[in-house]
Protein backbone atom coordinates (compact mmCIF):
# COMPACT_ATOMS: atom_id res chain seq x y z
CA MET A 1 28.75 123.93 121.08
CA SER A 2 29.92 122.27 117.92
CA ASP A 3 32.59 124.90 117.13
CA ARG A 4 34.52 124.78 120.42
CA ALA A 5 37.58 123.39 118.68
CA ALA A 6 37.81 126.63 116.72
CA TYR A 7 39.20 128.35 119.82
CA SER A 8 42.48 126.40 119.88
CA LEU A 9 45.51 128.69 120.09
CA PRO A 10 48.03 128.61 117.20
CA ARG A 11 51.69 129.45 117.63
CA GLU A 12 52.28 133.19 118.14
CA SER A 13 54.67 133.29 115.14
CA ASP A 14 51.92 131.87 112.92
CA VAL A 15 49.46 134.55 114.09
CA ILE A 16 51.96 137.36 113.47
CA ASN A 17 52.87 136.05 110.00
CA HIS A 18 49.19 135.71 109.11
CA VAL A 19 48.42 139.27 110.21
CA LYS A 20 51.39 140.59 108.25
CA THR A 21 50.14 138.79 105.13
CA ILE A 22 46.69 140.35 105.49
CA ALA A 23 48.11 143.81 106.21
CA SER A 24 50.37 143.73 103.15
CA SER A 25 47.48 142.89 100.81
CA GLU A 26 44.59 144.88 102.29
CA SER A 27 43.94 146.77 99.06
CA THR A 28 42.93 143.55 97.30
CA TYR A 29 39.91 143.26 99.58
CA GLN A 30 38.26 146.56 98.70
CA GLY A 31 34.62 145.98 97.78
CA SER A 32 34.71 142.29 98.66
CA ILE A 33 33.65 140.17 101.63
CA PHE A 34 36.35 138.28 103.52
CA SER A 35 37.14 136.88 106.95
CA LEU A 36 40.31 137.53 108.93
CA ASP A 37 41.33 134.63 111.18
CA CYS A 38 42.08 136.09 114.62
CA SER A 39 43.59 133.18 116.55
CA GLY A 40 40.68 130.90 115.72
CA LEU A 41 37.89 133.51 115.52
CA ALA A 42 36.70 134.95 112.22
CA ALA A 43 36.49 138.73 111.94
CA ASN A 44 34.18 139.40 109.00
CA PHE A 45 34.88 142.39 106.76
CA PHE A 46 33.24 144.04 103.79
CA GLY A 47 35.98 145.90 102.00
CA LYS A 48 38.14 147.46 104.70
CA LEU A 49 35.36 147.77 107.27
CA PRO A 50 34.17 145.03 109.65
CA GLU A 51 30.55 143.93 109.56
CA LYS A 52 28.39 144.86 112.53
CA PRO A 53 27.53 142.00 114.92
CA PRO A 54 24.16 140.28 114.48
CA GLN A 55 21.27 141.73 116.49
CA ASN A 56 19.07 138.76 117.31
CA LEU A 57 17.26 137.21 120.27
CA SER A 58 20.11 134.82 121.11
CA ARG A 59 22.63 137.66 121.39
CA THR A 60 20.22 139.82 123.40
CA VAL A 61 19.56 137.02 125.90
CA GLN A 62 23.27 136.21 126.22
CA LEU A 63 24.15 139.87 126.79
CA ALA A 64 21.55 140.08 129.57
CA ALA A 65 22.93 136.88 131.12
CA LYS A 66 26.45 138.26 130.77
CA ARG A 67 25.54 141.35 132.79
CA PHE A 68 23.87 139.26 135.50
CA LEU A 69 26.91 136.97 135.73
CA ASP A 70 29.26 139.98 135.76
CA ILE A 71 27.58 141.33 138.91
CA LEU A 72 27.26 137.95 140.60
CA LEU A 73 30.84 136.81 139.93
CA SER A 74 32.38 140.20 140.73
CA LEU A 75 30.66 140.43 144.12
CA ALA A 76 31.63 136.82 144.90
CA VAL A 77 35.29 137.38 143.95
CA LEU A 78 35.44 140.68 145.86
CA ALA A 79 34.10 138.95 148.99
CA PHE A 80 36.49 136.02 148.60
CA LEU A 81 39.57 138.17 147.88
CA ALA A 82 38.79 140.95 150.37
CA PRO A 83 41.51 139.77 152.83
CA LEU A 84 44.10 139.65 150.03
CA MET A 85 43.12 143.09 148.77
CA LEU A 86 43.41 144.55 152.27
CA ILE A 87 46.90 143.06 152.61
CA VAL A 88 47.89 144.44 149.20
CA ALA A 89 46.60 147.88 150.20
CA ALA A 90 48.66 147.79 153.41
CA VAL A 91 51.82 146.68 151.57
CA ILE A 92 51.43 149.48 149.01
CA LYS A 93 51.13 152.03 151.83
CA ILE A 94 54.22 150.67 153.56
CA ASN A 95 56.26 150.42 150.36
CA SER A 96 55.73 153.98 149.09
CA SER A 97 53.86 157.15 149.98
CA GLY A 98 50.64 158.05 148.24
CA PRO A 99 47.14 156.65 147.73
CA VAL A 100 46.49 152.92 147.48
CA LEU A 101 44.30 153.22 144.40
CA PHE A 102 45.13 154.83 141.08
CA LYS A 103 42.35 156.34 138.96
CA GLN A 104 42.55 157.01 135.25
CA GLU A 105 39.99 158.11 132.66
CA ARG A 106 39.30 155.40 130.06
CA GLU A 107 36.89 155.05 127.16
CA GLY A 108 34.00 152.65 127.67
CA THR A 109 30.81 151.70 125.87
CA LEU A 110 30.11 153.97 122.89
CA GLY A 111 33.26 155.93 123.77
CA LYS A 112 31.91 157.31 127.06
CA THR A 113 34.66 157.92 129.61
CA PHE A 114 34.80 156.48 133.12
CA SER A 115 37.33 156.33 135.96
CA ILE A 116 39.08 152.97 136.00
CA LEU A 117 40.46 151.71 139.32
CA LYS A 118 43.77 149.95 139.90
CA PHE A 119 46.09 149.33 142.79
CA ARG A 120 48.82 151.96 142.48
CA THR A 121 51.99 150.35 141.14
CA MET A 122 54.09 153.46 140.46
CA TYR A 123 55.75 156.05 142.65
CA VAL A 124 53.10 158.71 143.22
CA ASN A 125 55.08 161.48 141.48
CA ASP A 126 55.57 159.27 138.41
CA CYS A 127 51.94 158.29 137.92
CA ASP A 128 50.52 159.34 134.55
CA PRO A 129 46.77 160.03 134.75
CA SER A 130 46.68 160.73 130.99
CA GLY A 131 48.11 157.32 130.10
CA VAL A 132 50.04 158.84 127.19
CA ARG A 133 53.33 157.36 128.33
CA GLN A 134 52.87 153.61 128.21
CA THR A 135 54.47 151.27 130.72
CA THR A 136 57.46 149.30 129.44
CA GLN A 137 59.40 146.34 130.73
CA ALA A 138 61.72 147.28 133.63
CA ASP A 139 60.01 150.69 133.84
CA SER A 140 61.78 152.80 136.51
CA ARG A 141 58.48 154.41 137.52
CA VAL A 142 57.16 151.09 138.87
CA THR A 143 57.78 150.26 142.54
CA GLN A 144 59.18 146.95 143.72
CA VAL A 145 55.76 145.89 144.98
CA GLY A 146 54.22 147.26 141.79
CA ASN A 147 56.34 144.94 139.67
CA PHE A 148 54.88 141.92 141.45
CA LEU A 149 51.33 143.27 141.27
CA ARG A 150 51.65 143.90 137.53
CA ARG A 151 53.31 140.56 136.83
CA THR A 152 50.46 138.71 138.53
CA SER A 153 47.75 141.21 137.40
CA ILE A 154 46.69 141.66 141.03
CA ASP A 155 46.78 145.41 140.37
CA GLU A 156 43.68 144.95 138.19
CA LEU A 157 41.47 143.51 140.98
CA PRO A 158 39.87 146.87 141.97
CA GLN A 159 38.33 146.94 138.50
CA LEU A 160 35.82 144.41 139.81
CA LEU A 161 34.20 147.49 141.39
CA ASN A 162 33.99 149.01 137.89
CA VAL A 163 32.26 145.83 136.75
CA VAL A 164 29.68 145.98 139.55
CA LYS A 165 29.06 149.65 138.77
CA GLY A 166 28.44 148.85 135.10
CA ASP A 167 31.42 150.64 133.58
CA MET A 168 33.06 147.36 132.62
CA SER A 169 32.48 143.67 132.11
CA ILE A 170 34.66 140.74 133.19
CA VAL A 171 35.33 140.00 129.51
CA GLY A 172 35.51 142.56 126.71
CA PRO A 173 37.97 144.75 124.81
CA ARG A 174 40.45 146.32 127.23
CA PRO A 175 39.60 150.00 127.84
CA HIS A 176 42.05 152.51 126.39
CA VAL A 177 42.76 156.07 127.44
CA LYS A 178 41.24 158.77 125.26
CA GLY A 179 43.61 159.46 122.37
CA GLN A 180 45.44 156.15 122.79
CA GLN A 181 48.58 156.03 120.65
CA ALA A 182 49.75 153.10 118.54
CA ALA A 183 52.91 153.04 116.43
CA GLY A 184 53.27 156.80 116.83
CA LEU A 185 49.73 157.52 115.61
CA ALA A 186 46.36 157.98 117.21
CA TYR A 187 44.81 154.51 117.27
CA ARG A 188 41.81 155.89 115.36
CA GLU A 189 44.14 156.93 112.53
CA LEU A 190 45.95 153.60 112.44
CA VAL A 191 42.74 151.54 112.48
CA PRO A 192 39.75 153.27 110.79
CA TYR A 193 37.26 150.87 112.43
CA TYR A 194 38.72 151.37 115.92
CA GLU A 195 35.37 152.57 117.31
CA MET A 196 33.74 149.19 116.77
CA ARG A 197 35.48 147.87 119.89
CA HIS A 198 33.28 150.27 121.88
CA MET A 199 30.10 148.41 120.90
CA MET A 200 30.49 146.27 124.04
CA ARG A 201 31.50 147.05 127.60
CA PRO A 202 35.28 147.04 128.08
CA GLY A 203 36.60 144.10 130.08
CA LEU A 204 39.14 143.05 132.67
CA THR A 205 40.46 140.80 129.93
CA GLY A 206 39.62 140.17 126.30
CA TRP A 207 40.22 137.96 123.28
CA ALA A 208 43.32 139.95 122.34
CA GLN A 209 44.88 139.61 125.81
CA ALA A 210 44.01 135.90 125.98
CA ASN A 211 46.07 135.47 122.81
CA GLY A 212 49.12 137.37 124.03
CA TYR A 213 48.39 140.86 122.66
CA ARG A 214 49.17 143.14 125.58
CA GLY A 215 51.76 145.66 126.68
CA PRO A 216 52.97 148.74 124.75
CA THR A 217 51.35 149.41 121.36
CA ILE A 218 54.57 150.24 119.53
CA ASP A 219 54.50 147.82 116.60
CA ARG A 220 52.09 148.83 113.81
CA ILE A 221 51.20 145.27 112.76
CA LEU A 222 50.65 143.94 116.29
CA SER A 223 48.69 147.05 117.30
CA LYS A 224 46.29 146.54 114.39
CA ALA A 225 46.05 142.82 115.18
CA ARG A 226 44.95 143.71 118.71
CA ILE A 227 41.98 145.70 117.38
CA ASP A 228 41.17 142.94 114.88
CA HIS A 229 40.94 140.53 117.83
CA ASP A 230 38.61 142.97 119.62
CA VAL A 231 36.42 143.17 116.50
CA ALA A 232 36.38 139.37 116.25
CA TYR A 233 35.19 139.19 119.85
CA VAL A 234 32.42 141.76 119.31
CA GLN A 235 31.20 139.87 116.23
CA ASN A 236 31.46 136.39 117.77
CA PHE A 237 30.43 137.10 121.37
CA SER A 238 28.94 134.20 123.30
CA LEU A 239 28.95 133.14 126.94
CA TRP A 240 31.04 130.10 125.98
CA LEU A 241 33.67 132.34 124.39
CA ASP A 242 33.77 134.41 127.60
CA ILE A 243 34.46 131.23 129.59
CA VAL A 244 37.30 130.31 127.21
CA ILE A 245 38.83 133.78 127.60
CA ILE A 246 38.58 133.70 131.40
CA PHE A 247 40.37 130.36 131.66
CA ARG A 248 43.08 131.42 129.21
CA THR A 249 43.60 134.61 131.20
CA LEU A 250 43.84 132.76 134.51
CA LYS A 251 46.52 130.53 133.01
CA ALA A 252 48.49 133.34 131.35
CA GLU A 253 48.27 136.03 134.03
CA PHE A 254 48.07 134.31 137.39
CA ILE A 255 49.96 131.08 136.69
CA THR A 256 52.70 132.11 134.26
CA GLY A 257 52.64 135.79 135.28
CA ASN A 258 53.55 137.56 132.03
CA GLY A 259 52.42 141.09 132.83
CA TYR A 260 54.59 144.15 133.44
């Protein structure tokens, strides 16, 4: 594709400064068309609301191919990593009492809820099925093994079963718990167009995460930027973009290990 260079990653400080500039002058865009640069992807807005993604044959075909590849790749990875996942399950059992898997209700396509699967990384009595209390760095609820699993994102591997089932995709906006909080507010209050992220299946990773937006949603500006990145992905979806996101995620999560 001719626009592949558009996906180059700017410095994080530049992204944050750009988002702050947009946020401080939002009122000037009322009633006008503009694009917000989300780390190399344009999120198109009319006034304060994002435009809906195009509904054309190319997008329809790519979405069908995306689903086929989701199933194929998930089954292949599950088969390949089955020995590792069995070892992880055994280590979790040895390290602390309780179930190996942790289930939590998340919002998926069109806001429908589903049970997301993860390897349990917290002490069983400290697990939070509601997800209201977000995990922080050096969180005392996380076990020693859990710290490693989170840092390497191995705890997310059971979600491949969610992908096969159809609840999730390999790439898409990360699924939030119902009533997700951001900067002390309900995310829907902070970002009026929050629901647009539900126009596609949630993913194991997304454009926001590939650009470093992950962890607690405490900061108002960064929390809004995360949704803007999700909107940019929904509007600009392509199989090539999914490939870019997957490779960025592999580098960030499994090689540098920046999760917690």
